[in-house]
Amino acid sequence: MLNRKRIYLTLLIIFFLAGCTSPAADGNSQTEAAVSATPEPTSTPEPTPTSASPVGVFLTPAGSNPDLVEELNPLISSRMRDLGLRFQVLPTLTEADFDTERYAIVVVVPPYPELTSLAEASPDTKYLAVGFNDLEPTGNISVLGSGGGEYDVQGFIAGYIAAMITDDWRVGVLSLEDNPNALAARDGFRAGVKYYCGLCNPKYAPTGINYVYPKYIDLPVDATDAQVSANIDFMVDRVVNTFYIVPGVGSPQVYRSLVAYQKNIIGSGTDFQEEYREFWVVSLGYDLVTYLEDFWPRFLEAESGIADTPPLLLMDINPSLLSEGKVKLVEGLIQDVSSGLMKTSY
């Protein structure tokens, strides 16, 4: 009986001790599980830096026309930014500059003799040469000439207008000796007059050998003011009533003399002044800035270099001397002559 009690007591003690140690053991297991489940702290990843956007450049070298640069700058800046490019105005670019920047588009005005070699060294950049009349397009160079190179066309249109608005076709032109451009404009003028009026013989006095039209005078390149005045007086004495002043001849002295004589004037758009308006028939010129807006999409889409020039325009029109109907007639003629459908010489 005593042995049974001892055995029973021993079992109680064992069970009691087991119950006291189990919670501690379970707690340790749970703690270890909790620790193992806690993620180890990691550093916050830094954002991957993005590369700067490509650059669009307006290249304005020393010696470039400041008026042209001023006119083109806002237009080019707007177009570059529309493309998402960073815009820069720089006086020059070198091959080394391409090691630090990505130049997507470069618009350049003359003079820039290094342009061809720079373009060859950067074949992934698109170049637009604005105002270059003697540059051929290449793989990545497009050319928008300034216009004004077709002096014979300008002269032809001026001659046609002069004959059309002048009684008895008493018209004349002031040109320059030994200047191919001026002489081309002079010859074009004579052809334009003849195209309109044929023999151009006046019907009313004065007539005779001294009053054959069109008249022309080629001034010396270094003509003095006295020589200019004497030649204008000569043509006025020959009853020339409408004058074409070829590009490069116009000066305040020339124009003021003609205004004082109350003679009609056809000249270059760059020569026009308000003080001449009453006797200024029309300007012949080219709107490079406006035409660039039309040319820009073609330049962007072109896979290789393309070329174009602005069309000849009638500007500063005096409606009392050149009516709307005559303007439309002349504009049609400009298209025919510019496209080569009509010759400018006889």
Protein backbone atom coordinates (compact mmCIF):
# COMPACT_ATOMS: atom_id res chain seq x y z
CA MET A 1 0.00 0.00 0.00
CA LEU A 2 2.84 2.32 0.86
CA ASN A 3 4.62 1.60 -2.41
CA ARG A 4 1.55 2.46 -4.42
CA LYS A 5 1.35 5.88 -2.68
CA ARG A 6 4.99 6.59 -3.49
CA ILE A 7 4.53 5.67 -7.12
CA TYR A 8 1.44 7.85 -7.32
CA LEU A 9 3.26 10.81 -5.73
CA THR A 10 6.18 10.44 -8.05
CA LEU A 11 3.92 10.55 -11.11
CA LEU A 12 2.21 13.70 -9.82
CA ILE A 13 5.55 15.45 -9.41
CA ILE A 14 6.59 14.48 -12.94
CA PHE A 15 3.34 15.75 -14.48
CA PHE A 16 3.57 18.97 -12.45
CA LEU A 17 7.09 19.69 -13.62
CA ALA A 18 6.13 19.00 -17.21
CA GLY A 19 3.27 21.48 -17.00
CA CYS A 20 5.57 24.20 -15.63
CA THR A 21 8.20 23.89 -18.35
CA SER A 22 5.95 23.53 -21.44
CA PRO A 23 4.76 27.15 -21.60
CA ALA A 24 8.32 28.43 -21.42
CA ALA A 25 9.35 26.11 -24.17
CA ASP A 26 6.40 27.12 -26.31
CA GLY A 27 7.12 30.76 -25.67
CA ASN A 28 10.70 30.33 -26.79
CA SER A 29 9.53 28.65 -29.98
CA GLN A 30 7.07 31.44 -30.72
CA THR A 31 9.71 34.10 -30.06
CA GLU A 32 12.17 32.38 -32.37
CA ALA A 33 9.47 32.11 -35.06
CA ALA A 34 8.60 35.78 -34.67
CA VAL A 35 12.23 36.81 -34.95
CA SER A 36 12.77 34.66 -38.02
CA ALA A 37 9.61 36.09 -39.65
CA THR A 38 10.71 39.73 -39.17
CA PRO A 39 12.27 41.00 -42.46
CA GLU A 40 15.77 42.36 -42.29
CA PRO A 41 15.89 46.13 -42.87
CA THR A 42 17.10 47.17 -46.34
CA SER A 43 18.28 50.52 -47.74
CA THR A 44 15.76 52.62 -49.79
CA PRO A 45 16.65 52.31 -53.50
CA GLU A 46 17.69 55.59 -55.14
CA PRO A 47 15.85 56.59 -58.36
CA THR A 48 17.72 55.88 -61.57
CA PRO A 49 18.83 59.23 -63.02
CA THR A 50 17.31 60.07 -66.44
CA SER A 51 19.52 61.50 -69.18
CA ALA A 52 18.97 65.12 -70.27
CA SER A 53 16.76 65.69 -73.31
CA PRO A 54 18.48 66.41 -76.66
CA VAL A 55 19.35 69.96 -77.64
CA GLY A 56 18.08 72.13 -80.47
CA VAL A 57 20.55 74.82 -81.48
CA PHE A 58 20.21 78.13 -83.30
CA LEU A 59 23.72 78.72 -84.59
CA THR A 60 24.43 82.45 -85.09
CA PRO A 61 28.08 82.91 -86.09
CA ALA A 62 30.02 86.15 -86.05
CA GLY A 63 29.14 88.23 -89.08
CA SER A 64 25.57 86.94 -89.37
CA ASN A 65 22.77 89.38 -90.18
CA PRO A 66 21.50 90.67 -86.81
CA ASP A 67 18.08 91.59 -88.22
CA LEU A 68 17.63 88.08 -89.61
CA VAL A 69 18.75 86.53 -86.31
CA GLU A 70 16.30 88.70 -84.38
CA GLU A 71 13.42 87.73 -86.67
CA LEU A 72 14.20 84.02 -86.70
CA ASN A 73 14.99 83.52 -83.01
CA PRO A 74 11.44 83.42 -81.58
CA LEU A 75 10.19 81.18 -84.38
CA ILE A 76 13.05 78.68 -84.07
CA SER A 77 12.86 78.71 -80.27
CA SER A 78 9.14 77.91 -80.39
CA ARG A 79 9.57 75.08 -82.90
CA MET A 80 12.44 73.51 -80.95
CA ARG A 81 10.54 73.58 -77.67
CA ASP A 82 7.46 72.10 -79.36
CA LEU A 83 9.65 69.08 -80.12
CA GLY A 84 10.66 68.77 -76.45
CA LEU A 85 14.22 69.90 -77.11
CA ARG A 86 16.32 72.07 -74.87
CA PHE A 87 16.96 75.26 -76.83
CA GLN A 88 20.33 76.98 -77.10
CA VAL A 89 21.61 79.92 -79.13
CA LEU A 90 25.33 79.44 -79.83
CA PRO A 91 27.89 81.34 -81.91
CA THR A 92 29.71 78.17 -82.96
CA LEU A 93 29.85 74.39 -82.60
CA THR A 94 32.80 72.01 -82.74
CA GLU A 95 33.07 68.26 -83.05
CA ALA A 96 34.20 68.10 -79.42
CA ASP A 97 30.89 69.59 -78.28
CA PHE A 98 29.12 66.44 -79.43
CA ASP A 99 30.98 64.46 -76.77
CA THR A 100 29.04 66.22 -74.00
CA GLU A 101 25.64 66.98 -75.58
CA ARG A 102 23.15 65.30 -77.88
CA TYR A 103 22.34 67.80 -80.61
CA ALA A 104 19.20 66.74 -82.44
CA ILE A 105 18.63 69.76 -84.70
CA VAL A 106 20.90 72.65 -85.64
CA VAL A 107 19.56 75.68 -87.51
CA VAL A 108 22.36 77.88 -88.83
CA VAL A 109 22.53 81.22 -90.64
CA PRO A 110 25.46 82.39 -92.78
CA PRO A 111 28.34 82.77 -92.81
CA TYR A 112 29.41 79.34 -91.60
CA PRO A 113 32.08 77.77 -93.85
CA GLU A 114 32.62 74.89 -91.40
CA LEU A 115 29.05 73.66 -91.78
CA THR A 116 29.69 70.83 -94.25
CA SER A 117 32.56 69.31 -92.28
CA LEU A 118 30.63 69.65 -89.00
CA ALA A 119 27.63 67.88 -90.50
CA GLU A 120 29.79 65.06 -91.83
CA ALA A 121 31.21 64.54 -88.35
CA SER A 122 27.73 64.37 -86.77
CA PRO A 123 25.57 62.30 -89.15
CA ASP A 124 22.80 61.76 -86.57
CA THR A 125 22.09 65.50 -86.31
CA LYS A 126 19.68 67.25 -88.71
CA TYR A 127 20.94 70.61 -90.02
CA LEU A 128 18.90 73.41 -91.57
CA ALA A 129 20.91 76.11 -93.34
CA VAL A 130 18.74 79.23 -93.59
CA GLY A 131 19.71 82.01 -95.97
CA PHE A 132 22.44 80.09 -97.81
CA ASN A 133 22.00 80.65 -101.56
CA ASP A 134 25.15 78.84 -102.72
CA LEU A 135 24.97 75.66 -100.62
CA GLU A 136 23.81 72.28 -101.91
CA PRO A 137 21.86 69.95 -99.60
CA THR A 138 23.58 66.77 -98.38
CA GLY A 139 22.51 63.73 -96.40
CA ASN A 140 21.79 65.63 -93.19
CA ILE A 141 21.84 69.27 -94.39
CA SER A 142 18.69 70.89 -95.73
CA VAL A 143 18.91 74.35 -97.29
CA LEU A 144 16.37 77.16 -97.30
CA GLY A 145 17.76 79.93 -99.48
CA SER A 146 16.98 83.54 -98.75
CA GLY A 147 15.60 84.14 -102.23
CA GLY A 148 16.79 87.04 -104.31
CA GLY A 149 19.11 84.93 -106.40
CA GLU A 150 16.87 84.99 -109.49
CA TYR A 151 17.63 88.57 -110.47
CA ASP A 152 16.40 88.05 -114.01
CA VAL A 153 12.99 87.01 -112.66
CA GLN A 154 12.80 90.07 -110.43
CA GLY A 155 13.71 92.30 -113.34
CA PHE A 156 11.22 90.63 -115.68
CA ILE A 157 8.34 91.12 -113.24
CA ALA A 158 9.39 94.72 -112.59
CA GLY A 159 9.44 95.42 -116.34
CA TYR A 160 6.03 93.88 -116.87
CA ILE A 161 4.52 95.95 -114.03
CA ALA A 162 6.21 99.15 -115.18
CA ALA A 163 4.90 98.81 -118.74
CA MET A 164 1.43 97.85 -117.52
CA ILE A 165 0.94 100.95 -115.35
CA THR A 166 2.77 103.61 -117.42
CA ASP A 167 1.28 105.66 -120.23
CA ASP A 168 3.12 105.21 -123.52
CA TRP A 169 5.41 102.70 -121.79
CA ARG A 170 7.88 105.42 -120.77
CA VAL A 171 9.85 103.29 -118.34
CA GLY A 172 13.49 102.85 -117.37
CA VAL A 173 15.87 101.03 -115.08
CA LEU A 174 18.94 102.05 -113.07
CA SER A 175 21.55 99.29 -112.87
CA LEU A 176 25.25 98.84 -112.10
CA GLU A 177 28.26 98.31 -114.35
CA ASP A 178 30.28 95.10 -113.97
CA ASN A 179 27.76 93.58 -111.57
CA PRO A 180 26.34 90.29 -112.91
CA ASN A 181 23.33 90.32 -110.61
CA ALA A 182 22.40 93.91 -111.42
CA LEU A 183 22.89 93.35 -115.14
CA ALA A 184 20.72 90.21 -115.01
CA ALA A 185 17.97 92.26 -113.35
CA ARG A 186 18.37 95.00 -115.97
CA ASP A 187 18.12 92.53 -118.87
CA GLY A 188 15.14 90.86 -117.23
CA PHE A 189 13.45 94.25 -116.92
CA ARG A 190 13.88 95.00 -120.61
CA ALA A 191 12.47 91.56 -121.49
CA GLY A 192 9.49 92.07 -119.19
CA VAL A 193 8.68 95.42 -120.76
CA LYS A 194 8.91 93.98 -124.28
CA TYR A 195 6.77 91.00 -123.27
CA TYR A 196 3.97 93.38 -122.28
CA CYS A 197 4.12 96.05 -124.96
CA GLY A 198 6.07 94.60 -127.91
CA LEU A 199 7.72 97.48 -129.80
CA CYS A 200 6.69 99.91 -127.04
CA ASN A 201 6.56 102.88 -129.41
CA PRO A 202 4.95 105.94 -127.77
CA LYS A 203 1.82 107.24 -129.47
CA TYR A 204 2.06 110.78 -128.22
CA ALA A 205 4.78 113.43 -128.25
CA PRO A 206 7.55 113.60 -127.48
CA THR A 207 8.63 110.85 -129.87
CA GLY A 208 11.71 110.09 -131.90
CA ILE A 209 15.04 108.39 -131.45
CA ASN A 210 15.57 109.89 -128.00
CA TYR A 211 12.28 108.51 -126.75
CA VAL A 212 12.62 104.80 -127.32
CA TYR A 213 11.74 102.59 -124.33
CA PRO A 214 12.64 100.93 -122.12
CA LYS A 215 15.63 103.05 -121.20
CA TYR A 216 18.46 101.93 -118.95
CA ILE A 217 21.62 103.32 -117.41
CA ASP A 218 24.36 101.25 -115.78
CA LEU A 219 25.91 103.39 -113.06
CA PRO A 220 29.58 103.00 -112.13
CA VAL A 221 30.00 100.92 -109.00
CA ASP A 222 31.78 103.85 -107.35
CA ALA A 223 29.45 106.52 -108.77
CA THR A 224 29.53 109.83 -106.95
CA ASP A 225 26.40 111.63 -105.82
CA ALA A 226 26.87 114.06 -108.69
CA GLN A 227 27.02 111.20 -111.22
CA VAL A 228 23.89 109.62 -109.77
CA SER A 229 22.01 112.92 -109.95
CA ALA A 230 23.17 113.57 -113.53
CA ASN A 231 21.99 110.16 -114.72
CA ILE A 232 18.62 110.52 -113.04
CA ASP A 233 18.23 113.94 -114.62
CA PHE A 234 19.08 112.45 -118.03
CA MET A 235 16.31 109.85 -117.74
CA VAL A 236 13.83 112.40 -116.43
CA ASP A 237 14.62 114.58 -119.45
CA ARG A 238 13.78 111.55 -121.61
CA VAL A 239 10.34 111.45 -119.94
CA VAL A 240 10.88 108.22 -118.03
CA ASN A 241 7.90 108.11 -115.67
CA THR A 242 8.37 104.75 -113.94
CA PHE A 243 11.76 103.62 -112.65
CA TYR A 244 12.94 100.19 -111.60
CA ILE A 245 15.85 100.37 -109.17
CA VAL A 246 17.68 97.04 -109.26
CA PRO A 247 18.93 95.52 -105.99
CA GLY A 248 22.13 97.20 -104.85
CA VAL A 249 21.47 100.53 -106.58
CA GLY A 250 18.85 102.00 -104.27
CA SER A 251 19.96 104.70 -101.87
CA PRO A 252 18.18 107.53 -100.06
CA GLN A 253 19.60 109.94 -102.63
CA VAL A 254 18.17 107.94 -105.55
CA TYR A 255 14.75 107.51 -104.03
CA ARG A 256 14.41 111.05 -102.74
CA SER A 257 15.37 112.41 -106.13
CA LEU A 258 12.71 110.32 -107.84
CA VAL A 259 10.09 111.33 -105.27
CA ALA A 260 11.01 114.98 -105.81
CA TYR A 261 10.43 114.46 -109.54
CA GLN A 262 7.16 112.64 -108.73
CA LYS A 263 8.23 109.50 -110.59
CA ASN A 264 6.83 106.05 -109.95
CA ILE A 265 9.23 103.62 -108.25
CA ILE A 266 9.58 99.85 -108.24
CA GLY A 267 12.28 98.66 -105.86
CA SER A 268 13.45 96.07 -103.38
CA GLY A 269 11.49 95.36 -100.25
CA THR A 270 14.50 96.16 -98.11
CA ASP A 271 14.67 99.68 -99.59
CA PHE A 272 11.10 100.81 -98.93
CA GLN A 273 10.49 103.74 -96.57
CA GLU A 274 7.24 105.44 -95.64
CA GLU A 275 8.49 108.74 -97.06
CA TYR A 276 8.44 107.15 -100.54
CA ARG A 277 4.94 105.66 -100.25
CA GLU A 278 3.03 108.09 -102.48
CA PHE A 279 5.17 107.20 -105.51
CA TRP A 280 6.21 103.69 -104.54
CA VAL A 281 4.37 101.24 -106.81
CA VAL A 282 5.44 97.95 -105.26
CA SER A 283 8.36 96.15 -103.63
CA LEU A 284 9.77 92.92 -104.99
CA GLY A 285 11.08 90.72 -102.24
CA TYR A 286 11.10 87.48 -100.29
CA ASP A 287 9.59 86.68 -96.89
CA LEU A 288 12.10 84.18 -95.53
CA VAL A 289 10.71 84.05 -92.00
CA THR A 290 7.12 83.35 -93.04
CA TYR A 291 8.22 80.76 -95.58
CA LEU A 292 10.29 78.97 -92.93
CA GLU A 293 7.06 78.16 -91.09
CA ASP A 294 5.83 76.32 -94.20
CA PHE A 295 9.17 74.64 -94.82
CA TRP A 296 9.72 73.42 -91.24
CA PRO A 297 7.41 70.33 -91.36
CA ARG A 298 8.97 69.19 -94.62
CA PHE A 299 12.42 69.59 -93.11
CA LEU A 300 11.48 67.45 -90.10
CA GLU A 301 9.92 64.70 -92.21
CA ALA A 302 12.69 64.52 -94.81
CA GLU A 303 14.97 61.49 -94.47
CA SER A 304 17.77 63.33 -96.25
CA GLY A 305 18.61 66.92 -97.10
CA ILE A 306 16.14 68.96 -99.15
CA ALA A 307 16.33 72.48 -100.62
CA ASP A 308 13.90 75.28 -101.37
CA THR A 309 13.70 79.06 -101.69
CA PRO A 310 10.86 81.45 -100.84
CA PRO A 311 8.81 82.63 -103.81
CA LEU A 312 9.05 86.16 -105.14
CA LEU A 313 6.37 88.32 -103.52
CA LEU A 314 4.71 91.65 -104.22
CA MET A 315 4.94 93.79 -101.08
CA ASP A 316 4.29 97.40 -100.04
CA ILE A 317 1.67 97.61 -102.80
CA ASN A 318 0.27 101.04 -103.60
CA PRO A 319 -3.33 100.28 -104.66
CA SER A 320 -3.69 103.66 -106.34
CA LEU A 321 -0.88 102.69 -108.74
CA LEU A 322 -1.29 98.91 -108.89
CA SER A 323 -4.88 97.71 -108.64
CA GLU A 324 -6.02 94.43 -107.09
CA GLY A 325 -6.82 92.98 -110.50
CA LYS A 326 -3.36 93.80 -111.82
CA VAL A 327 -1.80 92.31 -108.68
CA LYS A 328 -3.55 88.98 -109.36
CA LEU A 329 -2.41 89.07 -112.98
CA VAL A 330 1.20 89.66 -111.93
CA GLU A 331 1.08 86.93 -109.26
CA GLY A 332 0.05 84.43 -111.92
CA LEU A 333 2.92 85.61 -114.11
CA ILE A 334 5.37 85.16 -111.23
CA GLN A 335 4.37 81.51 -110.95
CA ASP A 336 4.88 80.95 -114.67
CA VAL A 337 8.23 82.70 -114.78
CA SER A 338 9.55 81.12 -111.56
CA SER A 339 8.60 77.63 -112.74
CA GLY A 340 10.47 78.15 -116.04
CA LEU A 341 7.36 78.19 -118.21
CA MET A 342 8.37 81.60 -119.53
CA LYS A 343 11.77 82.93 -120.54
CA THR A 344 13.13 86.10 -119.00
CA SER A 345 15.30 87.11 -121.94
CA TYR A 346 14.81 87.84 -125.64
